[in-house]
Amino acid sequence: MSALLIAGLFVSCQRNVYFSGFEKSFLAVYKEGDTLIFESNKGERDTSYILRKDIGYTEWNPLTHSGKYRILYGEIEEANGTLPNGELDGRKFVSLIKKNPDSVSLFIAYNNIIMMQRFKNFNIESLDKYKLANGIYRFRILHTKDNVNTEEHLYWHLKYGLIKFVTKEGVIWRRINLNG
């Protein structure tokens, strides 16, 4: 009984963190039901659907939580295939995780390309080193295997989200339905 009382007291003392306007806008790019259609430089097509968008606080876990702040997350889930039972094969696409007021972890995963980056004071200025043009940012993912370096790229537009990606093999995929 005393353990429950201590845990309850500990949880009640936690402070909330909040997403800034910029952080919210990063998640606001997509809404449930959106369709993303990409076409490769080889003429192939890839279609994904935004299944779910969720923003909230994680449940308290004494093994992973500092106790000072409640962890805030924003997640967008997409699917571009079906499981054998006919259900859509959903997976995390974009995640923002805020464990304290001064930093955010950004996670973008698409077509087996995974980008994870932690930002202190996540805002438009913190993206400057990734900026290509007005509103477009490129995230490079470097890989080294058997002394061979390869790169993957994710291109993010502040209004449209993921607009382009380049695989390790150099295949370029561009989003062809930027209005829907």
Protein backbone atom coordinates (compact mmCIF):
# COMPACT_ATOMS: atom_id res chain seq x y z
CA MET A 1 0.00 0.00 0.00
CA SER A 2 2.80 2.43 0.83
CA ALA A 3 4.43 1.80 -2.58
CA LEU A 4 1.20 2.88 -4.30
CA LEU A 5 1.02 5.98 -2.14
CA ILE A 6 4.63 6.91 -2.96
CA ALA A 7 4.06 6.31 -6.69
CA GLY A 8 0.88 8.40 -6.60
CA LEU A 9 2.67 11.21 -4.81
CA PHE A 10 5.55 11.03 -7.28
CA VAL A 11 3.24 11.20 -10.32
CA SER A 12 1.23 14.08 -8.87
CA CYS A 13 4.41 16.17 -8.50
CA GLN A 14 5.36 15.88 -12.17
CA ARG A 15 5.14 18.93 -14.36
CA ASN A 16 3.71 18.93 -17.86
CA VAL A 17 5.72 19.91 -20.89
CA TYR A 18 3.98 21.33 -23.95
CA PHE A 19 4.66 21.41 -27.66
CA SER A 20 5.54 24.85 -29.02
CA GLY A 21 3.66 26.29 -31.97
CA PHE A 22 6.44 25.15 -34.32
CA GLU A 23 6.43 21.63 -32.88
CA LYS A 24 2.65 21.44 -33.27
CA SER A 25 2.94 22.63 -36.88
CA PHE A 26 5.39 19.81 -37.60
CA LEU A 27 2.69 17.32 -36.59
CA ALA A 28 -0.17 19.31 -38.18
CA VAL A 29 1.14 18.57 -41.68
CA TYR A 30 -0.87 15.32 -41.75
CA LYS A 31 -4.34 14.32 -40.70
CA GLU A 32 -5.91 10.89 -40.48
CA GLY A 33 -6.98 9.64 -43.90
CA ASP A 34 -4.35 11.56 -45.91
CA THR A 35 -2.89 9.70 -48.87
CA LEU A 36 0.78 9.95 -49.85
CA ILE A 37 1.67 8.84 -53.38
CA PHE A 38 5.33 8.63 -54.36
CA GLU A 39 6.78 7.82 -57.77
CA SER A 40 10.35 6.64 -58.31
CA ASN A 41 12.76 7.67 -61.04
CA LYS A 42 12.19 4.12 -62.34
CA GLY A 43 8.44 4.68 -62.79
CA GLU A 44 7.33 2.68 -59.73
CA ARG A 45 4.60 3.93 -57.41
CA ASP A 46 4.23 3.68 -53.64
CA THR A 47 1.03 4.70 -51.84
CA SER A 48 0.65 5.17 -48.09
CA TYR A 49 -2.23 6.23 -45.89
CA ILE A 50 -2.13 8.15 -42.64
CA LEU A 51 -3.92 5.84 -40.22
CA ARG A 52 -3.64 7.56 -36.88
CA LYS A 53 -2.41 10.70 -35.26
CA ASP A 54 -2.07 10.85 -31.51
CA ILE A 55 -0.75 13.48 -29.11
CA GLY A 56 -0.62 12.88 -25.38
CA TYR A 57 1.43 12.01 -22.34
CA THR A 58 3.00 8.62 -21.77
CA GLU A 59 1.99 6.63 -18.74
CA TRP A 60 4.41 6.92 -15.89
CA ASN A 61 7.07 4.20 -15.83
CA PRO A 62 9.49 4.23 -12.86
CA LEU A 63 12.22 2.51 -14.91
CA THR A 64 12.35 5.04 -17.76
CA HIS A 65 11.11 8.29 -16.33
CA SER A 66 13.04 10.97 -14.48
CA GLY A 67 9.95 11.95 -12.55
CA LYS A 68 10.42 15.69 -13.04
CA TYR A 69 8.31 16.00 -16.22
CA ARG A 70 5.62 13.94 -17.86
CA ILE A 71 6.79 12.76 -21.28
CA LEU A 72 4.80 14.30 -24.13
CA TYR A 73 4.60 12.56 -27.48
CA GLY A 74 3.09 13.20 -30.87
CA GLU A 75 2.86 10.22 -33.24
CA ILE A 76 1.68 9.77 -36.78
CA GLU A 77 1.17 6.21 -38.05
CA GLU A 78 1.08 5.26 -41.74
CA ALA A 79 0.46 2.09 -43.71
CA ASN A 80 1.31 1.10 -47.26
CA GLY A 81 0.57 -2.60 -47.15
CA THR A 82 -1.79 -5.12 -45.67
CA LEU A 83 -1.26 -8.00 -43.28
CA PRO A 84 -2.32 -11.56 -44.20
CA ASN A 85 -5.59 -11.02 -42.31
CA GLY A 86 -6.41 -8.01 -44.54
CA GLU A 87 -5.73 -5.31 -41.94
CA LEU A 88 -3.50 -2.39 -42.87
CA ASP A 89 0.14 -2.85 -41.80
CA GLY A 90 0.52 0.29 -39.71
CA ARG A 91 3.82 1.60 -38.41
CA LYS A 92 5.18 4.78 -36.86
CA PHE A 93 5.97 7.40 -39.45
CA VAL A 94 6.63 10.62 -37.52
CA SER A 95 7.18 11.00 -33.78
CA LEU A 96 8.07 13.94 -31.59
CA ILE A 97 9.04 13.13 -28.00
CA LYS A 98 9.49 15.85 -25.41
CA LYS A 99 10.95 14.78 -22.06
CA ASN A 100 11.73 18.28 -20.79
CA PRO A 101 10.88 21.84 -21.85
CA ASP A 102 14.17 22.45 -23.65
CA SER A 103 14.53 19.58 -26.12
CA VAL A 104 12.65 17.37 -28.56
CA SER A 105 13.52 14.09 -30.24
CA LEU A 106 12.33 13.80 -33.85
CA PHE A 107 11.83 10.41 -35.49
CA ILE A 108 10.86 9.99 -39.17
CA ALA A 109 10.69 6.52 -40.70
CA TYR A 110 9.56 5.73 -44.23
CA ASN A 111 10.38 2.91 -46.67
CA ASN A 112 12.88 1.45 -44.18
CA ILE A 113 14.73 4.78 -43.96
CA ILE A 114 14.95 5.85 -40.33
CA MET A 115 16.04 9.28 -39.13
CA MET A 116 16.35 10.11 -35.44
CA GLN A 117 17.58 13.47 -34.21
CA ARG A 118 17.48 15.24 -30.88
CA PHE A 119 17.09 19.00 -30.94
CA LYS A 120 17.65 21.50 -28.19
CA ASN A 121 14.97 24.16 -28.56
CA PHE A 122 13.34 22.62 -31.66
CA ASN A 123 12.38 25.54 -33.88
CA ILE A 124 12.88 26.83 -37.40
CA GLU A 125 16.41 28.02 -36.56
CA SER A 126 17.44 24.61 -35.24
CA LEU A 127 16.72 23.20 -38.71
CA ASP A 128 19.03 25.67 -40.49
CA LYS A 129 21.80 23.11 -41.06
CA TYR A 130 19.28 20.91 -42.91
CA LYS A 131 17.75 23.71 -45.01
CA LEU A 132 17.83 23.43 -48.81
CA ALA A 133 15.25 26.01 -49.88
CA ASN A 134 12.33 27.92 -48.43
CA GLY A 135 10.44 25.38 -46.31
CA ILE A 136 12.41 22.31 -47.55
CA TYR A 137 14.84 20.38 -45.35
CA ARG A 138 17.04 17.36 -46.11
CA PHE A 139 17.94 14.81 -43.45
CA ARG A 140 20.93 12.64 -44.43
CA ILE A 141 21.28 9.19 -42.92
CA LEU A 142 24.77 7.74 -43.30
CA HIS A 143 25.56 4.03 -43.12
CA THR A 144 28.87 2.19 -43.04
CA LYS A 145 29.01 -1.55 -43.60
CA ASP A 146 32.12 -3.52 -44.55
CA ASN A 147 34.01 -0.23 -45.10
CA VAL A 148 31.40 0.89 -47.65
CA ASN A 149 29.56 4.15 -47.02
CA THR A 150 26.01 4.66 -48.26
CA GLU A 151 23.53 7.46 -47.76
CA GLU A 152 19.79 7.79 -47.57
CA HIS A 153 17.89 11.07 -47.62
CA LEU A 154 14.52 12.26 -46.39
CA TYR A 155 13.24 15.60 -47.70
CA TRP A 156 10.71 17.39 -45.49
CA HIS A 157 8.56 20.36 -46.47
CA LEU A 158 7.05 22.41 -43.65
CA LYS A 159 3.67 22.51 -45.41
CA TYR A 160 3.54 19.07 -47.09
CA GLY A 161 5.67 16.84 -44.87
CA LEU A 162 7.72 14.14 -46.59
CA ILE A 163 8.04 15.15 -50.24
CA LYS A 164 10.99 13.06 -51.40
CA PHE A 165 13.31 10.28 -50.29
CA VAL A 166 16.41 8.63 -51.72
CA THR A 167 17.27 5.02 -50.91
CA LYS A 168 20.74 3.52 -50.30
CA GLU A 169 20.61 2.23 -53.87
CA GLY A 170 20.13 5.77 -55.18
CA VAL A 171 16.48 5.35 -56.18
CA ILE A 172 14.74 8.73 -55.97
CA TRP A 173 11.09 8.84 -54.89
CA ARG A 174 9.09 12.05 -55.20
CA ARG A 175 5.66 12.70 -53.77
CA ILE A 176 3.31 13.35 -56.68
CA ASN A 177 0.13 14.36 -54.80
CA LEU A 178 1.19 17.35 -52.77
CA ASN A 179 -2.37 18.74 -52.60
CA GLY A 180 -3.96 15.69 -51.03
